Amino acid sequence: MWRIPPELDVLIKVLNDYCARQHVADEDERERIAVKVMALFGRGVSDPVLLSAELERGSV
């Protein structure tokens, strides 16, 4: 059985938590935020707390 890599699991949790806190339900908006999360991760930000903090600050 295929398992989700731990890094992807972190990105999904950060995205879902952020969207829940900000009451984001629109799929286009969620996708835009997901792209931000992936961009941050691509720049080396992998800690969930730091990812969340960067999203809150509006980074990317």
PDB file of N, CA and C in Angstrom:
ATOM      1  N   MET A   1       0.839  -1.198   0.000  1.00  0.00           N
ATOM      2  CA  MET A   1       0.000   0.000   0.000  1.00  0.00           C
ATOM      3  C   MET A   1       0.875   1.248   0.000  1.00  0.00           C
ATOM      4  N   TRP A   2       0.483   2.232  -0.805  1.00  0.00           N
ATOM      5  CA  TRP A   2       1.212   3.482  -0.919  1.00  0.00           C
ATOM      6  C   TRP A   2       0.906   4.373   0.277  1.00  0.00           C
ATOM      7  N   ARG A   3       1.952   4.990   0.834  1.00  0.00           N
ATOM      8  CA  ARG A   3       1.784   5.884   1.981  1.00  0.00           C
ATOM      9  C   ARG A   3       2.173   7.311   1.581  1.00  0.00           C
ATOM     10  N   ILE A   4       1.482   8.266   2.171  1.00  0.00           N
ATOM     11  CA  ILE A   4       1.803   9.671   1.933  1.00  0.00           C
ATOM     12  C   ILE A   4       3.137   9.976   2.614  1.00  0.00           C
ATOM     13  N   PRO A   5       4.082  10.578   1.896  1.00  0.00           N
ATOM     14  CA  PRO A   5       5.351  10.954   2.525  1.00  0.00           C
ATOM     15  C   PRO A   5       5.103  11.919   3.690  1.00  0.00           C
ATOM     16  N   PRO A   6       5.897  11.808   4.745  1.00  0.00           N
ATOM     17  CA  PRO A   6       5.685  12.673   5.921  1.00  0.00           C
ATOM     18  C   PRO A   6       5.692  14.163   5.585  1.00  0.00           C
ATOM     19  N   GLU A   7       6.534  14.568   4.640  1.00  0.00           N
ATOM     20  CA  GLU A   7       6.596  15.988   4.266  1.00  0.00           C
ATOM     21  C   GLU A   7       5.273  16.456   3.661  1.00  0.00           C
ATOM     22  N   LEU A   8       4.690  15.622   2.826  1.00  0.00           N
ATOM     23  CA  LEU A   8       3.401  15.974   2.218  1.00  0.00           C
ATOM     24  C   LEU A   8       2.309  16.017   3.278  1.00  0.00           C
ATOM     25  N   ASP A   9       2.382  15.123   4.219  1.00  0.00           N
ATOM     26  CA  ASP A   9       1.433  15.112   5.328  1.00  0.00           C
ATOM     27  C   ASP A   9       1.484  16.442   6.089  1.00  0.00           C
ATOM     28  N   VAL A  10       2.695  16.952   6.316  1.00  0.00           N
ATOM     29  CA  VAL A  10       2.872  18.238   7.012  1.00  0.00           C
ATOM     30  C   VAL A  10       2.257  19.367   6.197  1.00  0.00           C
ATOM     31  N   LEU A  11       2.529  19.387   4.892  1.00  0.00           N
ATOM     32  CA  LEU A  11       2.001  20.452   4.035  1.00  0.00           C
ATOM     33  C   LEU A  11       0.476  20.444   4.011  1.00  0.00           C
ATOM     34  N   ILE A  12      -0.108  19.259   3.944  1.00  0.00           N
ATOM     35  CA  ILE A  12      -1.570  19.139   3.943  1.00  0.00           C
ATOM     36  C   ILE A  12      -2.151  19.653   5.257  1.00  0.00           C
ATOM     37  N   LYS A  13      -1.520  19.285   6.375  1.00  0.00           N
ATOM     38  CA  LYS A  13      -2.020  19.722   7.688  1.00  0.00           C
ATOM     39  C   LYS A  13      -1.920  21.239   7.824  1.00  0.00           C
ATOM     40  N   VAL A  14      -0.792  21.806   7.412  1.00  0.00           N
ATOM     41  CA  VAL A  14      -0.617  23.262   7.493  1.00  0.00           C
ATOM     42  C   VAL A  14      -1.680  23.962   6.651  1.00  0.00           C
ATOM     43  N   LEU A  15      -1.894  23.476   5.438  1.00  0.00           N
ATOM     44  CA  LEU A  15      -2.908  24.059   4.563  1.00  0.00           C
ATOM     45  C   LEU A  15      -4.294  23.966   5.188  1.00  0.00           C
ATOM     46  N   ASN A  16      -4.668  22.784   5.639  1.00  0.00           N
ATOM     47  CA  ASN A  16      -5.997  22.596   6.221  1.00  0.00           C
ATOM     48  C   ASN A  16      -6.201  23.426   7.474  1.00  0.00           C
ATOM     49  N   ASP A  17      -5.186  23.474   8.339  1.00  0.00           N
ATOM     50  CA  ASP A  17      -5.298  24.260   9.577  1.00  0.00           C
ATOM     51  C   ASP A  17      -5.442  25.747   9.272  1.00  0.00           C
ATOM     52  N   TYR A  18      -4.618  26.244   8.346  1.00  0.00           N
ATOM     53  CA  TYR A  18      -4.680  27.657   7.981  1.00  0.00           C
ATOM     54  C   TYR A  18      -6.056  28.004   7.403  1.00  0.00           C
ATOM     55  N   CYS A  19      -6.516  27.183   6.479  1.00  0.00           N
ATOM     56  CA  CYS A  19      -7.815  27.441   5.846  1.00  0.00           C
ATOM     57  C   CYS A  19      -8.955  27.386   6.865  1.00  0.00           C
ATOM     58  N   ALA A  20      -8.857  26.505   7.829  1.00  0.00           N
ATOM     59  CA  ALA A  20      -9.884  26.431   8.872  1.00  0.00           C
ATOM     60  C   ALA A  20      -9.863  27.698   9.735  1.00  0.00           C
ATOM     61  N   ARG A  21      -8.662  28.146  10.114  1.00  0.00           N
ATOM     62  CA  ARG A  21      -8.551  29.357  10.944  1.00  0.00           C
ATOM     63  C   ARG A  21      -9.060  30.593  10.211  1.00  0.00           C
ATOM     64  N   GLN A  22      -8.787  30.648   8.911  1.00  0.00           N
ATOM     65  CA  GLN A  22      -9.162  31.813   8.113  1.00  0.00           C
ATOM     66  C   GLN A  22     -10.531  31.665   7.441  1.00  0.00           C
ATOM     67  N   HIS A  23     -11.202  30.559   7.691  1.00  0.00           N
ATOM     68  CA  HIS A  23     -12.521  30.268   7.114  1.00  0.00           C
ATOM     69  C   HIS A  23     -12.486  30.316   5.579  1.00  0.00           C
ATOM     70  N   VAL A  24     -11.461  29.689   5.013  1.00  0.00           N
ATOM     71  CA  VAL A  24     -11.313  29.621   3.558  1.00  0.00           C
ATOM     72  C   VAL A  24     -11.995  28.352   3.070  1.00  0.00           C
ATOM     73  N   ALA A  25     -13.016  28.512   2.264  1.00  0.00           N
ATOM     74  CA  ALA A  25     -13.725  27.356   1.714  1.00  0.00           C
ATOM     75  C   ALA A  25     -13.632  27.314   0.196  1.00  0.00           C
ATOM     76  N   ASP A  26     -13.378  28.455  -0.422  1.00  0.00           N
ATOM     77  CA  ASP A  26     -13.299  28.549  -1.878  1.00  0.00           C
ATOM     78  C   ASP A  26     -12.111  27.729  -2.388  1.00  0.00           C
ATOM     79  N   GLU A  27     -12.362  26.839  -3.337  1.00  0.00           N
ATOM     80  CA  GLU A  27     -11.316  25.946  -3.849  1.00  0.00           C
ATOM     81  C   GLU A  27     -10.192  26.716  -4.542  1.00  0.00           C
ATOM     82  N   ASP A  28     -10.517  27.776  -5.261  1.00  0.00           N
ATOM     83  CA  ASP A  28      -9.480  28.565  -5.926  1.00  0.00           C
ATOM     84  C   ASP A  28      -8.561  29.223  -4.889  1.00  0.00           C
ATOM     85  N   GLU A  29      -9.142  29.729  -3.823  1.00  0.00           N
ATOM     86  CA  GLU A  29      -8.356  30.348  -2.752  1.00  0.00           C
ATOM     87  C   GLU A  29      -7.491  29.305  -2.049  1.00  0.00           C
ATOM     88  N   ARG A  30      -8.058  28.125  -1.792  1.00  0.00           N
ATOM     89  CA  ARG A  30      -7.276  27.040  -1.174  1.00  0.00           C
ATOM     90  C   ARG A  30      -6.095  26.655  -2.064  1.00  0.00           C
ATOM     91  N   GLU A  31      -6.328  26.627  -3.366  1.00  0.00           N
ATOM     92  CA  GLU A  31      -5.252  26.282  -4.289  1.00  0.00           C
ATOM     93  C   GLU A  31      -4.158  27.342  -4.265  1.00  0.00           C
ATOM     94  N   ARG A  32      -4.543  28.605  -4.213  1.00  0.00           N
ATOM     95  CA  ARG A  32      -3.573  29.702  -4.141  1.00  0.00           C
ATOM     96  C   ARG A  32      -2.724  29.584  -2.873  1.00  0.00           C
ATOM     97  N   ILE A  33      -3.367  29.252  -1.763  1.00  0.00           N
ATOM     98  CA  ILE A  33      -2.655  29.083  -0.494  1.00  0.00           C
ATOM     99  C   ILE A  33      -1.755  27.853  -0.549  1.00  0.00           C
ATOM    100  N   ALA A  34      -2.229  26.782  -1.175  1.00  0.00           N
ATOM    101  CA  ALA A  34      -1.418  25.565  -1.314  1.00  0.00           C
ATOM    102  C   ALA A  34      -0.145  25.862  -2.102  1.00  0.00           C
ATOM    103  N   VAL A  35      -0.256  26.687  -3.135  1.00  0.00           N
ATOM    104  CA  VAL A  35       0.922  27.065  -3.919  1.00  0.00           C
ATOM    105  C   VAL A  35       1.907  27.825  -3.035  1.00  0.00           C
ATOM    106  N   LYS A  36       1.398  28.706  -2.159  1.00  0.00           N
ATOM    107  CA  LYS A  36       2.266  29.433  -1.221  1.00  0.00           C
ATOM    108  C   LYS A  36       2.980  28.462  -0.287  1.00  0.00           C
ATOM    109  N   VAL A  37       2.236  27.489   0.233  1.00  0.00           N
ATOM    110  CA  VAL A  37       2.833  26.511   1.143  1.00  0.00           C
ATOM    111  C   VAL A  37       3.944  25.745   0.432  1.00  0.00           C
ATOM    112  N   MET A  38       3.685  25.326  -0.792  1.00  0.00           N
ATOM    113  CA  MET A  38       4.702  24.580  -1.548  1.00  0.00           C
ATOM    114  C   MET A  38       5.912  25.453  -1.868  1.00  0.00           C
ATOM    115  N   ALA A  39       5.681  26.735  -2.161  1.00  0.00           N
ATOM    116  CA  ALA A  39       6.792  27.645  -2.438  1.00  0.00           C
ATOM    117  C   ALA A  39       7.661  27.825  -1.193  1.00  0.00           C
ATOM    118  N   LEU A  40       7.032  27.989  -0.048  1.00  0.00           N
ATOM    119  CA  LEU A  40       7.781  28.101   1.203  1.00  0.00           C
ATOM    120  C   LEU A  40       8.589  26.835   1.453  1.00  0.00           C
ATOM    121  N   PHE A  41       7.966  25.699   1.264  1.00  0.00           N
ATOM    122  CA  PHE A  41       8.643  24.419   1.451  1.00  0.00           C
ATOM    123  C   PHE A  41       9.825  24.308   0.484  1.00  0.00           C
ATOM    124  N   GLY A  42       9.616  24.746  -0.733  1.00  0.00           N
ATOM    125  CA  GLY A  42      10.682  24.712  -1.731  1.00  0.00           C
ATOM    126  C   GLY A  42      11.858  25.600  -1.373  1.00  0.00           C
ATOM    127  N   ARG A  43      11.608  26.616  -0.557  1.00  0.00           N
ATOM    128  CA  ARG A  43      12.679  27.506  -0.093  1.00  0.00           C
ATOM    129  C   ARG A  43      13.312  27.008   1.197  1.00  0.00           C
ATOM    130  N   GLY A  44      12.888  25.817   1.639  1.00  0.00           N
ATOM    131  CA  GLY A  44      13.519  25.225   2.814  1.00  0.00           C
ATOM    132  C   GLY A  44      12.747  25.352   4.108  1.00  0.00           C
ATOM    133  N   VAL A  45      11.573  25.963   4.072  1.00  0.00           N
ATOM    134  CA  VAL A  45      10.758  26.081   5.286  1.00  0.00           C
ATOM    135  C   VAL A  45       9.936  24.803   5.396  1.00  0.00           C
ATOM    136  N   SER A  46      10.322  23.927   6.342  1.00  0.00           N
ATOM    137  CA  SER A  46       9.633  22.648   6.460  1.00  0.00           C
ATOM    138  C   SER A  46       8.985  22.430   7.822  1.00  0.00           C
ATOM    139  N   ASP A  47       9.308  23.284   8.775  1.00  0.00           N
ATOM    140  CA  ASP A  47       8.710  23.167  10.106  1.00  0.00           C
ATOM    141  C   ASP A  47       7.278  23.677  10.052  1.00  0.00           C
ATOM    142  N   PRO A  48       6.308  22.881  10.543  1.00  0.00           N
ATOM    143  CA  PRO A  48       4.903  23.299  10.466  1.00  0.00           C
ATOM    144  C   PRO A  48       4.621  24.632  11.161  1.00  0.00           C
ATOM    145  N   VAL A  49       5.282  24.892  12.264  1.00  0.00           N
ATOM    146  CA  VAL A  49       5.063  26.154  12.983  1.00  0.00           C
ATOM    147  C   VAL A  49       5.556  27.329  12.143  1.00  0.00           C
ATOM    148  N   LEU A  50       6.724  27.164  11.529  1.00  0.00           N
ATOM    149  CA  LEU A  50       7.262  28.234  10.681  1.00  0.00           C
ATOM    150  C   LEU A  50       6.435  28.418   9.417  1.00  0.00           C
ATOM    151  N   LEU A  51       5.980  27.326   8.825  1.00  0.00           N
ATOM    152  CA  LEU A  51       5.115  27.430   7.650  1.00  0.00           C
ATOM    153  C   LEU A  51       3.849  28.211   7.990  1.00  0.00           C
ATOM    154  N   SER A  52       3.231  27.872   9.106  1.00  0.00           N
ATOM    155  CA  SER A  52       2.010  28.566   9.530  1.00  0.00           C
ATOM    156  C   SER A  52       2.274  30.044   9.790  1.00  0.00           C
ATOM    157  N   ALA A  53       3.386  30.330  10.452  1.00  0.00           N
ATOM    158  CA  ALA A  53       3.729  31.726  10.763  1.00  0.00           C
ATOM    159  C   ALA A  53       3.954  32.522   9.480  1.00  0.00           C
ATOM    160  N   GLU A  54       4.623  31.923   8.497  1.00  0.00           N
ATOM    161  CA  GLU A  54       4.844  32.608   7.222  1.00  0.00           C
ATOM    162  C   GLU A  54       3.525  32.862   6.493  1.00  0.00           C
ATOM    163  N   LEU A  55       2.618  31.909   6.541  1.00  0.00           N
ATOM    164  CA  LEU A  55       1.305  32.119   5.923  1.00  0.00           C
ATOM    165  C   LEU A  55       0.568  33.261   6.605  1.00  0.00           C
ATOM    166  N   GLU A  56       0.613  33.288   7.918  1.00  0.00           N
ATOM    167  CA  GLU A  56      -0.067  34.353   8.679  1.00  0.00           C
ATOM    168  C   GLU A  56       0.518  35.721   8.338  1.00  0.00           C
ATOM    169  N   ARG A  57       1.812  35.775   8.083  1.00  0.00           N
ATOM    170  CA  ARG A  57       2.467  37.035   7.745  1.00  0.00           C
ATOM    171  C   ARG A  57       2.230  37.430   6.292  1.00  0.00           C
ATOM    172  N   GLY A  58       1.715  36.506   5.507  1.00  0.00           N
ATOM    173  CA  GLY A  58       1.465  36.791   4.106  1.00  0.00           C
ATOM    174  C   GLY A  58       2.697  36.638   3.246  1.00  0.00           C
ATOM    175  N   SER A  59       3.653  35.845   3.705  1.00  0.00           N
ATOM    176  CA  SER A  59       4.901  35.643   2.950  1.00  0.00           C
ATOM    177  C   SER A  59       4.623  34.926   1.634  1.00  0.00           C
ATOM    178  N   VAL A  60       5.580  35.048   0.753  1.00  0.00           N
ATOM    179  CA  VAL A  60       5.664  34.405  -0.562  1.00  0.00           C
ATOM    180  C   VAL A  60       5.450  35.415  -1.642  1.00  0.00           C
TER     181      VAL A  60
END
